[in-house]
Structures are given as C-alpha cells and as structure tokens.
Amino acid sequence: QVQLVESGGGLVQAGGSLRLSCAASGPAFHTYTMGWFRQAPGKEREFVAASWSGVSIYGTESVKGRFSISRDNARKTAYLEMNNLKPEDTAVYYCAARSTGGLGRDTVIYDYWGQGTQVTVSS
C-alpha cells in the first residue's frame, strides 16, 4: 500500500508561485509514475503533469511553460512547481502514483491518490 500526502497549497495572488510537495511511502518510489491532477468546482479532474523514468509530460497548453514536475527519489517526494499563477489555476490539486510505471494522463491508470491540497489564486 502506498500513501501519498500533499502539502504546499494556499492562497496566492495572480502572478505568484507555489511549490506543491507529495510525500510517498513504499519501498519502490523510484519506479513509480508520479502524477499531478487538479479539480476545480463543478469540473472534472484534469491531468496536469506526470513523471517516470526521467521523462515528464504535461497536460493542457495552459500549464506548459509555467508548471514543472520534479521528484527526489531519495526523499520519496514529488514536486509541482507552479509559476505565473492565474485565477483559472484555482483548484484542489491531487498527487497520484502508478506502481507499475509508464506515463499516462488518465485518472484510471493511477493506483493511489493523495487527499488533495487547495490552491487559490486571487486576481
């Protein structure tokens, strides 16, 4: 069983930055696909970014160039650096893990989920 705990959310003004962290349990973190998703009120959960085996992929064009996923396998932690935040980035951000590796954007391929952390961007 893998447990994921997100942190780093909060309230920030438009144009500001936040770094989200996702601390994971489990002995094989370095083999996991780590993903970030977000869900705004009344909307479906949306893929943001994922990282596996040195490769990263990103979701919508709106986050490319502003968001960056990284990971520290020694600390069993994944990060999402978010810069130039916009009000439309406001959402609950979820960390997810896929224990069998491989990159993907669908929620169904991820085995484990964190509880989510709120990010609110004011205009």
Protein backbone atom coordinates (compact mmCIF):
# COMPACT_ATOMS: atom_id res chain seq x y z
CA GLN A 1 0.00 0.00 0.00
CA VAL A 2 1.29 3.44 -0.95
CA GLN A 3 0.27 6.53 0.96
CA LEU A 4 0.56 9.99 -0.55
CA VAL A 5 0.47 13.23 1.40
CA GLU A 6 0.35 16.57 -0.42
CA SER A 7 1.38 19.90 1.02
CA GLY A 8 2.22 23.39 -0.13
CA GLY A 9 -1.15 24.68 -1.27
CA GLY A 10 -2.54 28.03 -0.23
CA LEU A 11 -3.73 31.42 -1.32
CA VAL A 12 -1.57 33.39 -3.73
CA GLN A 13 -2.04 36.45 -5.90
CA ALA A 14 -2.07 36.18 -9.67
CA GLY A 15 1.47 36.09 -10.99
CA GLY A 16 2.76 34.41 -7.87
CA SER A 17 4.30 30.99 -7.37
CA LEU A 18 3.75 27.91 -5.27
CA ARG A 19 5.53 24.60 -4.92
CA LEU A 20 3.45 21.58 -4.07
CA SER A 21 5.03 18.53 -2.47
CA CYS A 22 3.85 14.94 -2.41
CA ALA A 23 5.48 12.65 0.13
CA ALA A 24 5.09 8.96 -0.62
CA SER A 25 5.50 5.78 1.35
CA GLY A 26 6.58 2.47 -0.10
CA PRO A 27 9.99 0.97 -0.91
CA ALA A 28 9.92 1.36 -4.68
CA PHE A 29 9.17 5.05 -5.13
CA HIS A 30 11.84 5.37 -7.80
CA THR A 31 9.85 3.00 -10.04
CA TYR A 32 6.50 4.75 -9.64
CA THR A 33 4.89 7.05 -12.09
CA MET A 34 4.05 10.21 -10.15
CA GLY A 35 1.29 12.42 -11.43
CA TRP A 36 -0.44 15.65 -10.55
CA PHE A 37 -4.10 16.36 -11.28
CA ARG A 38 -6.41 19.18 -10.37
CA GLN A 39 -10.12 19.61 -9.95
CA ALA A 40 -11.96 22.91 -9.92
CA PRO A 41 -15.51 23.18 -8.52
CA GLY A 42 -18.05 21.73 -10.90
CA LYS A 43 -15.39 20.38 -13.26
CA GLU A 44 -13.82 17.00 -13.94
CA ARG A 45 -10.44 16.08 -12.59
CA GLU A 46 -7.81 17.31 -15.04
CA PHE A 47 -4.35 15.95 -15.74
CA VAL A 48 -1.55 18.42 -15.02
CA ALA A 49 1.76 16.56 -15.21
CA ALA A 50 3.47 13.21 -14.70
CA SER A 51 6.99 11.92 -14.26
CA TRP A 52 8.52 8.49 -14.76
CA SER A 53 11.96 7.18 -15.55
CA GLY A 54 13.39 10.61 -16.26
CA VAL A 55 10.59 11.66 -18.59
CA SER A 56 7.90 14.24 -17.87
CA ILE A 57 4.67 15.00 -19.66
CA TYR A 58 2.24 17.83 -19.20
CA GLY A 59 -1.46 18.35 -19.64
CA THR A 60 -3.15 21.35 -21.11
CA GLU A 61 -1.34 24.03 -23.04
CA SER A 62 -2.24 26.48 -20.29
CA VAL A 63 0.22 24.90 -17.84
CA LYS A 64 3.10 24.24 -20.21
CA GLY A 65 5.95 26.62 -19.57
CA ARG A 66 4.50 27.65 -16.21
CA PHE A 67 4.36 24.37 -14.28
CA SER A 68 7.21 21.95 -13.75
CA ILE A 69 7.14 18.47 -12.22
CA SER A 70 10.16 17.04 -10.48
CA ARG A 71 10.98 14.32 -7.99
CA ASP A 72 13.56 13.43 -5.38
CA ASN A 73 13.69 9.65 -5.25
CA ALA A 74 15.91 9.65 -2.17
CA ARG A 75 13.30 11.65 -0.29
CA LYS A 76 10.39 9.78 -1.93
CA THR A 77 8.85 13.10 -2.80
CA ALA A 78 7.38 14.57 -5.96
CA TYR A 79 7.01 18.27 -6.57
CA LEU A 80 4.95 20.56 -8.74
CA GLU A 81 6.46 23.99 -9.20
CA MET A 82 3.83 26.47 -10.35
CA ASN A 83 4.83 29.90 -11.62
CA ASN A 84 2.90 32.87 -13.00
CA LEU A 85 -0.26 31.53 -11.44
CA LYS A 86 -3.60 32.61 -12.82
CA PRO A 87 -7.07 32.67 -11.25
CA GLU A 88 -8.07 29.78 -13.54
CA ASP A 89 -5.44 27.63 -11.82
CA THR A 90 -7.60 27.65 -8.71
CA ALA A 91 -8.43 24.05 -7.84
CA VAL A 92 -7.76 21.20 -5.48
CA TYR A 93 -4.51 19.60 -6.59
CA TYR A 94 -4.06 15.86 -6.20
CA CYS A 95 -0.95 13.75 -6.27
CA ALA A 96 -1.24 10.26 -7.74
CA ALA A 97 1.01 7.24 -8.11
CA ARG A 98 1.08 4.33 -10.52
CA SER A 99 3.07 1.43 -9.14
CA THR A 100 3.65 -0.30 -12.46
CA GLY A 101 5.27 2.65 -14.19
CA GLY A 102 4.62 4.11 -17.61
CA LEU A 103 3.31 7.56 -18.42
CA GLY A 104 -0.33 8.41 -18.78
CA ARG A 105 -2.89 11.16 -18.47
CA ASP A 106 -5.96 9.15 -17.46
CA THR A 107 -7.03 9.03 -13.84
CA VAL A 108 -7.92 5.34 -14.16
CA ILE A 109 -4.32 4.20 -14.57
CA TYR A 110 -3.23 5.60 -11.22
CA ASP A 111 -3.45 3.25 -8.26
CA TYR A 112 -3.02 5.63 -5.34
CA TRP A 113 -4.21 9.15 -4.58
CA GLY A 114 -3.48 11.79 -2.00
CA GLN A 115 -6.12 13.75 -0.16
CA GLY A 116 -5.58 16.91 -2.19
CA THR A 117 -4.37 20.39 -1.39
CA GLN A 118 -6.26 23.59 -2.18
CA VAL A 119 -4.67 26.20 -4.40
CA THR A 120 -6.48 29.51 -4.67
CA VAL A 121 -5.24 32.27 -6.96
CA SER A 122 -6.73 35.71 -6.44
CA SER A 123 -6.94 38.30 -9.20
